Amino acid sequence: MGRVIRFAWLLLVAFFGGILLLPGTVEAHPEDIVPRGHIAYDLLGSIAADKALPNASLADFQRGDRLYTRREMAQFILTLRSESIAERHRTALRLLQSEFVAELSLLAPGKRFPEPRLGTELSYTAFGKLRGLTDPSAGTITLRGSAVAPVGRDGFVVLSAGNYRDEWNDGLLFGNRTGYPAIETAYFRLNGRAVDVSVGKMPLRWGPGFTGGLTFSDEAPTIPQVRLEKSFRLWGWLGKQLGPLYFSQFYGQFFEEDIPTAPASTRGTRRHLSGRRIETVGTRSRWQVSIGEAFKSTRLPDPIFSQVLPYFLYQNDWIDNRDVTYFRLLPFLVSDPQTDAAWINYVADITTSYRVDSRGTMLYASLMLDDVKSPDFISFDRPTPRKIGQQYGVYLPNLGGVNRYGMRLEYTNTDVETYRTIAEPGDWYWNGTPLGHPAGTNADVFLGRLDAQITAQLKLAVEGTVRRRHKTNPEAEGRNAHRYALFATYAPTANTFAGLRIEQQTVTLPGASTNRRTRFELNAGIGF
């Protein structure tokens, strides 16, 4: 296992080193999807409901099926009419500016954003949707409320609660999800001079994938965590080549049911989850590159080493395998060795995107390394199967150059054992819900989506998603399924809308009959 992990890390280094050789300066635009349930949807929806966001309304942010990239969120912020913003939105605006500071600097380089007056103002939002003729398990009423309160000059307390997850549970396509709490977002954020710190429950999603991120997605409940974020530049030639960089790291915990049959080193209910990521966030190039690594474990023998050492080294640090060269050179690292690697699951992540033209057309690709197949010359008697995830897509937000149509095409693949490891408590799941892509292991997922603005008030979206088992042998996990959906939203005023949702799902489990469901929904929403 250690040899495989080191080989995977070498692939990461080689890939990043290759990027340095690209002509021009490797600086780029963060294109991550903003997670479902992120506070930005609530705050911008409330501001739009007050008619302070041109050409947008509450429906654009609370219809549910429409997700935005971080760049698109920053574009909304830039178009705000500051003079029209109500007093109760001033704290919200400042939080949005601090949350998307890298993207705002990208879209408006050199621009200084005036700080809204900040005293004791409380920014708050409320949203409700009445739903009819739909799946009763999703409920007939969706409610959501959010609040942002200032703490001193540079701190914020953020809270959001509601049952919106019930409505957007994918059900048959990717499997029913359970365990979403009413309060999913509750954290404190401090924007410091050296580093930004957030503590609390926050959604997680890495990457530009619309169907979900490979390493982290927003399918699982939000995770209590401590998150550090910092924008910086490297010195010298390397710094000039890379431009501004953005680093983020988090450590979190959650709890699962104990599994009595698991190895002793994996017993218990506590799970440790940690990830770190570095991204290019410059302004002069069309490229964006990020590299990340993460682990889930049932033990944390030395929390200092776990957050300082590269995670792949940390995994080997606690495995009793003294024949590894760096253990002989640095024996102090092995302070509490474990007998095997069953207690920890390490993954790595590479994502790159390329902005094709001035219309914002974007190509993107992600590679998640859970394990790579051992080459014959190092596998010896312990061959390791390939366990990776891949995602490729194209996003055309301004199809035809008329600002009325957008299209996204995406393909995601996971191997037969991706997200699975040698002991079930280490699997990349939370009580059966994937921490990574919602399709889970052994999947080929195809997505096509077309968005159309018919008038300023009427907007349509057509979406199709197909999931196929990557391997069809009887022992392989997975399902065949598809979902086709039509979404229509009409907003007669800035703070109200009526919606239509028609969705047909079909799923076939191995050895089971086909299950079909058609969802026809009419809804009406209002918020402030």
Protein backbone atom coordinates (compact mmCIF):
# COMPACT_ATOMS: atom_id res chain seq x y z
CA MET A 1 0.00 0.00 0.00
CA GLY A 2 2.81 2.42 0.88
CA ARG A 3 4.51 1.86 -2.47
CA VAL A 4 1.24 2.50 -4.27
CA ILE A 5 0.61 5.73 -2.40
CA ARG A 6 4.11 7.03 -3.09
CA PHE A 7 3.71 6.16 -6.76
CA ALA A 8 0.40 8.06 -6.85
CA TRP A 9 2.03 11.08 -5.26
CA LEU A 10 4.82 10.99 -7.84
CA LEU A 11 2.14 11.15 -10.53
CA LEU A 12 0.76 14.28 -8.89
CA VAL A 13 4.19 15.91 -8.75
CA ALA A 14 4.92 14.95 -12.35
CA PHE A 15 1.61 16.39 -13.52
CA PHE A 16 2.11 19.66 -11.69
CA GLY A 17 5.68 19.86 -12.93
CA GLY A 18 4.38 19.45 -16.48
CA ILE A 19 2.03 22.37 -15.97
CA LEU A 20 5.02 24.58 -15.17
CA LEU A 21 6.34 23.91 -18.66
CA LEU A 22 3.24 25.21 -20.41
CA PRO A 23 3.90 28.36 -22.46
CA GLY A 24 2.96 31.61 -20.79
CA THR A 25 2.08 32.22 -17.21
CA VAL A 26 0.06 29.55 -15.46
CA GLU A 27 -2.55 31.68 -13.73
CA ALA A 28 -6.23 30.96 -13.88
CA HIS A 29 -9.80 31.16 -12.62
CA PRO A 30 -11.38 29.11 -9.86
CA GLU A 31 -14.34 27.33 -11.49
CA ASP A 32 -15.63 25.23 -8.60
CA ILE A 33 -19.36 24.72 -8.28
CA VAL A 34 -20.68 26.52 -5.20
CA PRO A 35 -22.14 23.73 -3.00
CA ARG A 36 -25.89 23.32 -2.66
CA GLY A 37 -26.86 24.94 0.63
CA HIS A 38 -24.03 27.49 0.58
CA ILE A 39 -25.01 30.73 2.30
CA ALA A 40 -24.32 32.69 -0.91
CA TYR A 41 -27.51 31.34 -2.52
CA ASP A 42 -29.58 32.67 0.37
CA LEU A 43 -27.90 36.07 0.58
CA LEU A 44 -27.91 36.82 -3.15
CA GLY A 45 -31.48 35.54 -3.44
CA SER A 46 -32.58 37.91 -0.68
CA ILE A 47 -30.75 40.85 -2.26
CA ALA A 48 -32.33 40.04 -5.63
CA ALA A 49 -35.75 39.89 -3.95
CA ASP A 50 -35.16 43.52 -2.93
CA LYS A 51 -34.51 44.45 -6.59
CA ALA A 52 -30.88 45.36 -5.89
CA LEU A 53 -29.48 42.74 -8.31
CA PRO A 54 -30.13 43.67 -11.97
CA ASN A 55 -31.70 41.02 -14.22
CA ALA A 56 -32.05 38.54 -11.36
CA SER A 57 -34.72 37.49 -8.89
CA LEU A 58 -35.17 35.20 -5.91
CA ALA A 59 -36.03 32.35 -8.28
CA ASP A 60 -32.54 32.35 -9.79
CA PHE A 61 -31.03 31.30 -6.45
CA GLN A 62 -33.79 29.31 -4.76
CA ARG A 63 -35.28 27.26 -7.59
CA GLY A 64 -32.91 24.47 -6.52
CA ASP A 65 -31.93 22.87 -9.82
CA ARG A 66 -29.58 25.71 -10.83
CA LEU A 67 -26.06 25.68 -9.38
CA TYR A 68 -23.43 28.35 -10.05
CA THR A 69 -19.65 28.44 -10.24
CA ARG A 70 -17.65 30.67 -7.93
CA ARG A 71 -16.85 32.90 -10.90
CA GLU A 72 -20.56 33.33 -11.64
CA MET A 73 -21.28 34.19 -8.01
CA ALA A 74 -18.57 36.86 -8.16
CA GLN A 75 -20.13 38.27 -11.34
CA PHE A 76 -23.43 38.68 -9.50
CA ILE A 77 -21.66 40.52 -6.69
CA LEU A 78 -20.00 42.90 -9.17
CA THR A 79 -23.36 43.86 -10.67
CA LEU A 80 -24.96 44.73 -7.34
CA ARG A 81 -26.43 48.20 -7.08
CA SER A 82 -24.74 49.25 -3.86
CA GLU A 83 -26.93 52.31 -3.48
CA SER A 84 -30.05 50.10 -3.57
CA ILE A 85 -28.92 47.65 -0.91
CA ALA A 86 -31.08 47.76 2.20
CA GLU A 87 -29.47 48.30 5.58
CA ARG A 88 -30.05 44.68 6.58
CA HIS A 89 -27.99 43.44 3.61
CA ARG A 90 -24.79 45.33 4.44
CA THR A 91 -23.31 42.54 6.56
CA ALA A 92 -24.31 40.03 3.88
CA LEU A 93 -22.49 42.03 1.21
CA ARG A 94 -19.32 42.19 3.23
CA LEU A 95 -19.41 38.44 3.87
CA LEU A 96 -19.91 37.79 0.15
CA GLN A 97 -16.98 40.04 -0.73
CA SER A 98 -14.69 38.22 1.71
CA GLU A 99 -15.91 34.78 0.60
CA PHE A 100 -15.28 35.45 -3.12
CA VAL A 101 -12.32 37.82 -2.80
CA ALA A 102 -10.10 35.76 -5.15
CA GLU A 103 -12.74 35.68 -7.89
CA LEU A 104 -13.55 39.38 -7.49
CA SER A 105 -9.86 40.22 -7.84
CA LEU A 106 -9.83 38.10 -10.99
CA LEU A 107 -12.85 39.77 -12.60
CA ALA A 108 -11.96 43.31 -11.52
CA PRO A 109 -8.16 43.43 -11.04
CA GLY A 110 -7.00 46.45 -9.09
CA LYS A 111 -10.51 47.48 -8.09
CA ARG A 112 -11.01 48.42 -4.46
CA PHE A 113 -14.32 47.33 -3.05
CA PRO A 114 -15.80 49.80 -0.58
CA GLU A 115 -16.49 48.19 2.75
CA PRO A 116 -20.15 48.51 3.71
CA ARG A 117 -20.80 50.22 7.00
CA LEU A 118 -20.65 47.50 9.59
CA GLY A 119 -21.92 47.97 13.09
CA THR A 120 -24.45 45.66 14.69
CA GLU A 121 -26.52 45.01 11.55
CA LEU A 122 -27.98 41.53 11.22
CA SER A 123 -28.49 40.25 7.69
CA TYR A 124 -31.28 37.70 7.46
CA THR A 125 -33.26 35.85 4.82
CA ALA A 126 -36.33 33.65 4.74
CA PHE A 127 -37.69 31.49 1.95
CA GLY A 128 -40.64 29.16 1.59
CA LYS A 129 -41.92 26.93 -1.18
CA LEU A 130 -45.31 25.24 -1.37
CA ARG A 131 -45.19 22.05 -3.41
CA GLY A 132 -48.05 20.00 -4.83
CA LEU A 133 -48.67 16.88 -6.92
CA THR A 134 -45.26 15.51 -6.00
CA ASP A 135 -43.53 12.69 -4.17
CA PRO A 136 -44.95 12.83 -0.63
CA SER A 137 -41.67 11.66 0.93
CA ALA A 138 -40.11 14.98 -0.10
CA GLY A 139 -42.76 16.96 1.77
CA THR A 140 -45.19 19.63 0.61
CA ILE A 141 -43.43 22.62 2.17
CA THR A 142 -39.79 23.62 1.87
CA LEU A 143 -38.57 26.22 4.34
CA ARG A 144 -35.17 27.83 4.74
CA GLY A 145 -33.88 30.71 6.83
CA SER A 146 -30.40 32.21 7.13
CA ALA A 147 -28.70 34.89 9.16
CA VAL A 148 -25.28 36.59 9.19
CA ALA A 149 -24.17 38.64 12.16
CA PRO A 150 -20.96 40.71 12.43
CA VAL A 151 -18.42 40.03 15.17
CA GLY A 152 -16.06 42.95 15.56
CA ARG A 153 -14.55 44.34 12.37
CA ASP A 154 -13.56 41.18 10.53
CA GLY A 155 -15.65 38.35 11.98
CA PHE A 156 -18.99 36.79 11.06
CA VAL A 157 -21.38 34.28 12.56
CA VAL A 158 -23.36 32.40 9.90
CA LEU A 159 -26.43 30.22 10.39
CA SER A 160 -28.85 28.53 7.99
CA ALA A 161 -31.55 25.97 8.63
CA GLY A 162 -34.32 24.27 6.68
CA ASN A 163 -35.48 21.11 4.93
CA TYR A 164 -34.47 21.94 1.36
CA ARG A 165 -32.44 18.71 1.15
CA ASP A 166 -35.62 16.64 1.16
CA GLU A 167 -36.69 18.17 -2.15
CA TRP A 168 -33.39 17.65 -3.94
CA ASN A 169 -32.67 14.12 -2.79
CA ASP A 170 -31.79 12.26 -6.00
CA GLY A 171 -33.75 9.20 -4.87
CA LEU A 172 -33.64 6.34 -7.34
CA LEU A 173 -30.79 7.63 -9.50
CA PHE A 174 -28.02 7.65 -6.89
CA GLY A 175 -29.86 6.12 -3.92
CA ASN A 176 -31.89 7.70 -1.13
CA ARG A 177 -29.97 9.83 1.36
CA THR A 178 -30.82 10.18 5.01
CA GLY A 179 -29.51 12.05 8.02
CA TYR A 180 -29.69 15.65 6.82
CA PRO A 181 -30.08 17.80 9.96
CA ALA A 182 -32.35 20.85 10.12
CA ILE A 183 -29.34 23.06 10.94
CA GLU A 184 -26.78 22.25 8.28
CA THR A 185 -24.72 25.45 8.29
CA ALA A 186 -23.50 27.10 11.48
CA TYR A 187 -20.01 28.58 11.66
CA PHE A 188 -17.83 31.47 12.77
CA ARG A 189 -15.48 33.09 10.24
CA LEU A 190 -12.61 35.46 11.02
CA ASN A 191 -10.79 37.20 8.19
CA GLY A 192 -7.32 37.72 9.62
CA ARG A 193 -4.28 39.43 8.14
CA ALA A 194 -2.29 36.21 8.01
CA VAL A 195 -5.05 33.62 7.42
CA ASP A 196 -8.83 33.31 7.27
CA VAL A 197 -10.25 30.90 9.85
CA SER A 198 -13.70 29.25 9.86
CA VAL A 199 -15.00 26.99 12.63
CA GLY A 200 -18.31 25.12 12.52
CA LYS A 201 -20.50 23.18 10.06
CA MET A 202 -19.97 24.03 6.39
CA PRO A 203 -20.77 22.30 3.08
CA LEU A 204 -17.93 20.63 1.19
CA ARG A 205 -17.43 20.37 -2.55
CA TRP A 206 -14.22 20.36 -4.60
CA GLY A 207 -14.14 20.86 -8.34
CA PRO A 208 -16.22 22.07 -11.28
CA GLY A 209 -18.37 18.95 -11.67
CA PHE A 210 -22.10 19.70 -11.83
CA THR A 211 -23.12 16.18 -10.82
CA GLY A 212 -20.70 16.33 -7.88
CA GLY A 213 -17.04 16.52 -6.94
CA LEU A 214 -14.87 13.42 -7.05
CA THR A 215 -13.10 13.83 -3.71
CA PHE A 216 -15.67 15.94 -1.87
CA SER A 217 -19.24 16.61 -2.86
CA ASP A 218 -22.19 18.22 -1.10
CA GLU A 219 -24.21 14.99 -1.08
CA ALA A 220 -23.28 14.14 2.52
CA PRO A 221 -24.42 16.24 5.48
CA THR A 222 -22.20 19.17 6.38
CA ILE A 223 -19.23 18.23 8.55
CA PRO A 224 -18.08 20.02 11.73
CA GLN A 225 -14.64 21.33 10.88
CA VAL A 226 -11.90 23.89 11.34
CA ARG A 227 -10.88 25.48 8.04
CA LEU A 228 -7.87 27.67 7.23
CA GLU A 229 -7.56 29.64 3.98
CA LYS A 230 -4.77 31.82 2.66
CA SER A 231 -3.92 33.61 -0.59
CA PHE A 232 -0.20 34.05 -1.27
CA ARG A 233 2.60 34.22 -3.86
CA LEU A 234 5.85 32.29 -4.10
CA TRP A 235 9.14 34.14 -4.51
CA GLY A 236 11.37 34.25 -7.55
CA TRP A 237 10.96 32.62 -10.94
CA LEU A 238 8.53 29.99 -9.68
CA GLY A 239 6.30 32.67 -8.18
CA LYS A 240 6.20 34.56 -11.46
CA GLN A 241 5.26 31.41 -13.34
CA LEU A 242 2.48 30.41 -10.98
CA GLY A 243 1.12 33.81 -10.01
CA PRO A 244 -1.21 34.10 -7.01
CA LEU A 245 -2.02 30.86 -5.23
CA TYR A 246 -4.83 29.96 -2.85
CA PHE A 247 -4.36 27.40 -0.09
CA SER A 248 -7.08 25.84 2.03
CA GLN A 249 -6.97 23.12 4.66
CA PHE A 250 -9.58 21.69 6.99
CA TYR A 251 -9.87 19.14 9.76
CA GLY A 252 -13.24 17.68 10.73
CA GLN A 253 -14.90 14.91 12.68
CA PHE A 254 -18.11 12.94 12.41
CA PHE A 255 -19.50 9.70 13.82
CA GLU A 256 -20.66 6.46 12.25
CA GLU A 257 -21.99 3.20 13.61
CA ASP A 258 -19.40 0.79 14.98
CA ILE A 259 -18.75 -2.36 12.93
CA PRO A 260 -17.93 -5.26 15.27
CA THR A 261 -16.42 -7.39 12.48
CA ALA A 262 -13.89 -4.70 11.47
CA PRO A 263 -10.17 -4.96 12.38
CA ALA A 264 -9.32 -3.76 15.87
CA SER A 265 -7.54 -0.64 14.57
CA THR A 266 -10.74 0.52 12.87
CA ARG A 267 -13.22 -0.14 15.68
CA GLY A 268 -15.19 2.71 17.24
CA THR A 269 -17.57 5.39 16.01
CA ARG A 270 -15.34 8.47 15.60
CA ARG A 271 -14.12 9.37 12.11
CA HIS A 272 -11.42 11.91 11.30
CA LEU A 273 -11.63 13.70 7.96
CA SER A 274 -9.04 16.15 6.68
CA GLY A 275 -8.14 17.72 3.35
CA ARG A 276 -5.86 20.36 1.89
CA ARG A 277 -5.79 21.96 -1.52
CA ILE A 278 -3.69 24.49 -3.42
CA GLU A 279 -5.02 26.33 -6.48
CA THR A 280 -3.83 28.85 -9.00
CA VAL A 281 -6.05 31.94 -8.89
CA GLY A 282 -4.28 34.42 -11.17
CA THR A 283 -5.53 36.77 -13.84
CA ARG A 284 -3.45 36.47 -17.01
CA SER A 285 -3.99 32.93 -18.21
CA ARG A 286 -6.90 30.78 -19.24
CA TRP A 287 -5.65 27.83 -17.15
CA GLN A 288 -6.67 26.87 -13.64
CA VAL A 289 -4.98 24.04 -11.77
CA SER A 290 -5.51 22.60 -8.31
CA ILE A 291 -3.90 19.75 -6.39
CA GLY A 292 -5.42 18.30 -3.24
CA GLU A 293 -5.07 15.41 -0.84
CA ALA A 294 -7.30 14.10 1.92
CA PHE A 295 -7.73 11.24 4.35
CA LYS A 296 -10.44 9.58 6.40
CA SER A 297 -9.28 7.64 9.45
CA THR A 298 -10.49 5.95 12.62
CA ARG A 299 -7.37 6.91 14.60
CA LEU A 300 -5.36 10.11 14.95
CA PRO A 301 -2.23 9.18 16.93
CA ASP A 302 -0.51 12.54 16.48
CA PRO A 303 -2.70 15.48 15.43
CA ILE A 304 0.30 17.78 14.97
CA PHE A 305 2.03 15.52 12.43
CA SER A 306 -1.28 14.79 10.70
CA GLN A 307 -1.81 18.46 9.84
CA VAL A 308 1.81 19.33 9.05
CA LEU A 309 3.19 16.36 7.12
CA PRO A 310 1.94 15.56 3.63
CA TYR A 311 -0.93 13.16 4.18
CA PHE A 312 0.64 10.36 2.16
CA LEU A 313 3.70 10.54 4.41
CA TYR A 314 1.49 10.65 7.48
CA GLN A 315 -0.16 7.40 6.42
CA ASN A 316 3.21 5.68 6.25
CA ASP A 317 4.35 7.43 9.43
CA TRP A 318 1.93 5.33 11.48
CA ILE A 319 2.37 2.00 9.68
CA ASP A 320 4.90 -0.37 11.23
CA ASN A 321 7.01 -0.77 8.09
CA ARG A 322 10.53 0.16 9.12
CA ASP A 323 12.15 -0.99 5.87
CA VAL A 324 11.06 2.23 4.14
CA THR A 325 14.11 4.44 3.58
CA TYR A 326 12.82 7.64 5.12
CA PHE A 327 11.93 5.77 8.32
CA ARG A 328 15.59 4.78 8.67
CA LEU A 329 16.59 8.41 8.06
CA LEU A 330 13.83 9.93 10.24
CA PRO A 331 12.99 7.32 12.89
CA PHE A 332 11.32 9.92 15.13
CA LEU A 333 8.36 9.99 12.74
CA VAL A 334 7.30 6.50 13.78
CA SER A 335 6.19 7.46 17.27
CA ASP A 336 3.11 5.22 17.45
CA PRO A 337 3.15 2.68 14.61
CA GLN A 338 0.06 0.71 13.64
CA THR A 339 0.27 -2.85 12.35
CA ASP A 340 -1.44 -2.13 9.04
CA ALA A 341 -3.11 0.57 6.94
CA ALA A 342 -6.70 -0.57 7.54
CA TRP A 343 -7.43 2.40 9.81
CA ILE A 344 -6.74 5.14 7.23
CA ASN A 345 -7.84 5.84 3.65
CA TYR A 346 -5.79 8.33 1.63
CA VAL A 347 -6.88 9.96 -1.65
CA ALA A 348 -5.35 12.58 -3.94
CA ASP A 349 -6.93 14.93 -6.44
CA ILE A 350 -5.90 16.87 -9.56
CA THR A 351 -8.26 19.29 -11.32
CA THR A 352 -7.57 21.52 -14.28
CA SER A 353 -9.78 23.80 -16.37
CA TYR A 354 -9.22 25.89 -19.49
CA ARG A 355 -11.27 28.92 -20.45
CA VAL A 356 -11.63 28.74 -24.22
CA ASP A 357 -13.01 32.14 -25.23
CA SER A 358 -14.39 35.47 -24.07
CA ARG A 359 -17.88 33.97 -23.75
CA GLY A 360 -16.69 31.89 -20.81
CA THR A 361 -16.65 28.48 -22.53
CA MET A 362 -14.76 26.15 -20.21
CA LEU A 363 -13.21 22.70 -20.53
CA TYR A 364 -12.44 20.88 -17.30
CA ALA A 365 -11.03 17.58 -16.08
CA SER A 366 -10.53 15.99 -12.66
CA LEU A 367 -8.61 12.90 -11.58
CA MET A 368 -9.03 11.34 -8.14
CA LEU A 369 -6.46 8.76 -7.04
CA ASP A 370 -7.73 6.33 -4.43
CA ASP A 371 -5.20 3.71 -5.52
CA VAL A 372 -3.38 3.16 -8.78
CA LYS A 373 -2.65 -0.31 -10.11
CA SER A 374 0.78 -1.43 -8.95
CA PRO A 375 3.32 -1.72 -11.77
CA ASP A 376 4.68 -5.25 -12.03
CA PHE A 377 8.19 -4.28 -10.95
CA ILE A 378 7.02 -2.94 -7.55
CA SER A 379 3.87 -4.95 -6.83
CA PHE A 380 5.69 -8.17 -5.87
CA ASP A 381 3.21 -10.39 -4.02
CA ARG A 382 0.82 -7.54 -3.12
CA PRO A 383 -0.83 -6.39 -6.37
CA THR A 384 -3.15 -3.42 -6.00
CA PRO A 385 -6.10 -2.92 -8.36
CA ARG A 386 -6.71 0.45 -9.95
CA LYS A 387 -9.15 2.58 -7.94
CA ILE A 388 -9.51 6.02 -9.49
CA GLY A 389 -12.20 8.49 -10.47
CA GLN A 390 -12.26 10.62 -13.62
CA GLN A 391 -14.42 13.55 -14.68
CA TYR A 392 -14.47 15.48 -17.95
CA GLY A 393 -16.79 18.26 -19.00
CA VAL A 394 -17.51 21.29 -21.12
CA TYR A 395 -19.52 24.28 -19.92
CA LEU A 396 -20.90 26.90 -22.30
CA PRO A 397 -22.60 29.58 -20.14
CA ASN A 398 -23.17 31.90 -23.08
CA LEU A 399 -24.17 29.61 -25.91
CA GLY A 400 -24.61 31.52 -29.14
CA GLY A 401 -23.32 34.76 -27.65
CA VAL A 402 -26.79 36.03 -26.74
CA ASN A 403 -26.67 35.55 -22.95
CA ARG A 404 -29.89 33.53 -23.07
CA TYR A 405 -28.72 29.94 -23.40
CA GLY A 406 -26.22 27.78 -21.54
CA MET A 407 -25.19 24.15 -21.89
CA ARG A 408 -23.13 21.66 -19.90
CA LEU A 409 -21.96 18.17 -20.92
CA GLU A 410 -20.19 15.99 -18.36
CA TYR A 411 -18.87 12.45 -18.01
CA THR A 412 -17.79 10.86 -14.71
CA ASN A 413 -16.25 7.43 -14.16
CA THR A 414 -15.34 5.48 -11.02
CA ASP A 415 -13.69 2.06 -10.86
CA VAL A 416 -15.14 -1.05 -9.24
CA GLU A 417 -13.49 -0.42 -5.85
CA THR A 418 -13.11 3.36 -5.91
CA TYR A 419 -14.09 4.84 -2.52
CA ARG A 420 -13.78 1.37 -0.96
CA THR A 421 -10.80 0.25 1.13
CA ILE A 422 -9.55 -2.81 3.01
CA ALA A 423 -11.74 -2.08 6.06
CA GLU A 424 -15.31 -0.82 5.80
CA PRO A 425 -14.94 2.00 8.38
CA GLY A 426 -12.35 3.57 6.07
CA ASP A 427 -14.64 3.64 3.03
CA TRP A 428 -15.16 7.13 1.56
CA TYR A 429 -18.74 7.22 2.85
CA TRP A 430 -20.69 8.58 5.82
CA ASN A 431 -23.15 5.89 6.94
CA GLY A 432 -23.74 4.92 3.32
CA THR A 433 -23.73 8.44 1.85
CA PRO A 434 -20.71 9.15 -0.40
CA LEU A 435 -18.30 11.85 0.69
CA GLY A 436 -17.22 12.03 -2.94
CA HIS A 437 -19.28 11.74 -6.12
CA PRO A 438 -22.91 10.77 -5.36
CA ALA A 439 -22.79 7.90 -7.88
CA GLY A 440 -20.34 6.10 -5.61
CA THR A 441 -18.26 3.19 -6.80
CA ASN A 442 -18.38 1.37 -10.17
CA ALA A 443 -20.18 4.01 -12.23
CA ASP A 444 -20.25 5.72 -15.60
CA VAL A 445 -22.33 8.89 -15.35
CA PHE A 446 -23.34 11.06 -18.31
CA LEU A 447 -24.95 14.48 -17.84
CA GLY A 448 -26.46 16.87 -20.36
CA ARG A 449 -28.13 20.13 -19.35
CA LEU A 450 -29.53 23.05 -21.34
CA ASP A 451 -30.62 26.33 -19.71
CA ALA A 452 -32.76 28.86 -21.56
CA GLN A 453 -34.03 32.30 -20.66
CA ILE A 454 -37.23 32.72 -22.65
CA THR A 455 -38.07 36.12 -21.15
CA ALA A 456 -36.75 38.07 -18.18
CA GLN A 457 -39.32 36.26 -16.02
CA LEU A 458 -39.52 32.81 -17.64
CA LYS A 459 -36.58 30.38 -17.49
CA LEU A 460 -36.39 26.73 -18.53
CA ALA A 461 -33.91 23.92 -18.02
CA VAL A 462 -33.76 20.45 -19.54
CA GLU A 463 -31.50 17.91 -17.86
CA GLY A 464 -30.66 14.28 -18.49
CA THR A 465 -28.46 12.05 -16.32
CA VAL A 466 -27.60 8.41 -17.08
CA ARG A 467 -25.78 6.10 -14.68
CA ARG A 468 -24.39 2.77 -15.83
CA ARG A 469 -22.47 0.09 -13.97
CA HIS A 470 -18.84 0.38 -15.04
CA LYS A 471 -18.27 -3.36 -14.62
CA THR A 472 -21.16 -5.77 -15.08
CA ASN A 473 -19.81 -8.89 -13.36
CA PRO A 474 -22.26 -10.14 -10.68
CA GLU A 475 -19.92 -9.29 -7.78
CA ALA A 476 -19.54 -5.66 -8.82
CA GLU A 477 -21.49 -3.03 -6.91
CA GLY A 478 -23.74 -0.54 -8.70
CA ARG A 479 -26.97 0.15 -10.54
CA ASN A 480 -28.20 1.18 -13.96
CA ALA A 481 -30.42 4.23 -13.85
CA HIS A 482 -31.43 7.36 -15.69
CA ARG A 483 -33.26 10.59 -14.94
CA TYR A 484 -34.74 13.06 -17.40
CA ALA A 485 -36.17 16.32 -16.10
CA LEU A 486 -37.77 19.57 -17.22
CA PHE A 487 -37.70 22.60 -14.93
CA ALA A 488 -39.66 25.78 -15.62
CA THR A 489 -39.72 28.90 -13.44
CA TYR A 490 -41.79 32.04 -13.87
CA ALA A 491 -41.09 35.04 -11.61
CA PRO A 492 -43.89 37.66 -11.75
CA THR A 493 -42.07 39.73 -9.12
CA ALA A 494 -38.53 39.81 -7.79
CA ASN A 495 -39.44 37.94 -4.60
CA THR A 496 -42.01 35.39 -5.86
CA PHE A 497 -42.08 32.63 -8.45
CA ALA A 498 -44.10 29.68 -9.71
CA GLY A 499 -42.39 26.51 -10.87
CA LEU A 500 -42.99 23.29 -12.78
CA ARG A 501 -40.91 20.13 -12.43
CA ILE A 502 -41.44 17.01 -14.52
CA GLU A 503 -39.00 14.19 -13.83
CA GLN A 504 -38.84 10.56 -14.89
CA GLN A 505 -36.48 8.12 -13.16
CA THR A 506 -35.74 4.50 -13.92
CA VAL A 507 -33.42 2.21 -11.98
CA THR A 508 -32.40 -1.44 -12.34
CA LEU A 509 -30.49 -3.12 -9.53
CA PRO A 510 -28.48 -6.32 -10.20
CA GLY A 511 -30.85 -9.28 -9.96
CA ALA A 512 -33.89 -7.04 -9.38
CA SER A 513 -36.74 -5.77 -11.48
CA THR A 514 -36.82 -2.30 -12.98
CA ASN A 515 -38.29 0.46 -10.83
CA ARG A 516 -39.76 3.55 -12.47
CA ARG A 517 -41.04 6.78 -10.98
CA THR A 518 -42.48 9.89 -12.57
CA ARG A 519 -42.54 13.09 -10.54
CA PHE A 520 -44.85 15.91 -11.61
CA GLU A 521 -44.62 18.96 -9.38
CA LEU A 522 -46.13 22.41 -9.26
CA ASN A 523 -44.64 24.81 -6.74
CA ALA A 524 -44.82 28.41 -5.62
CA GLY A 525 -42.07 30.23 -3.76
CA ILE A 526 -41.77 33.47 -1.85
CA GLY A 527 -38.94 35.03 0.13
CA PHE A 528 -37.30 38.16 1.41
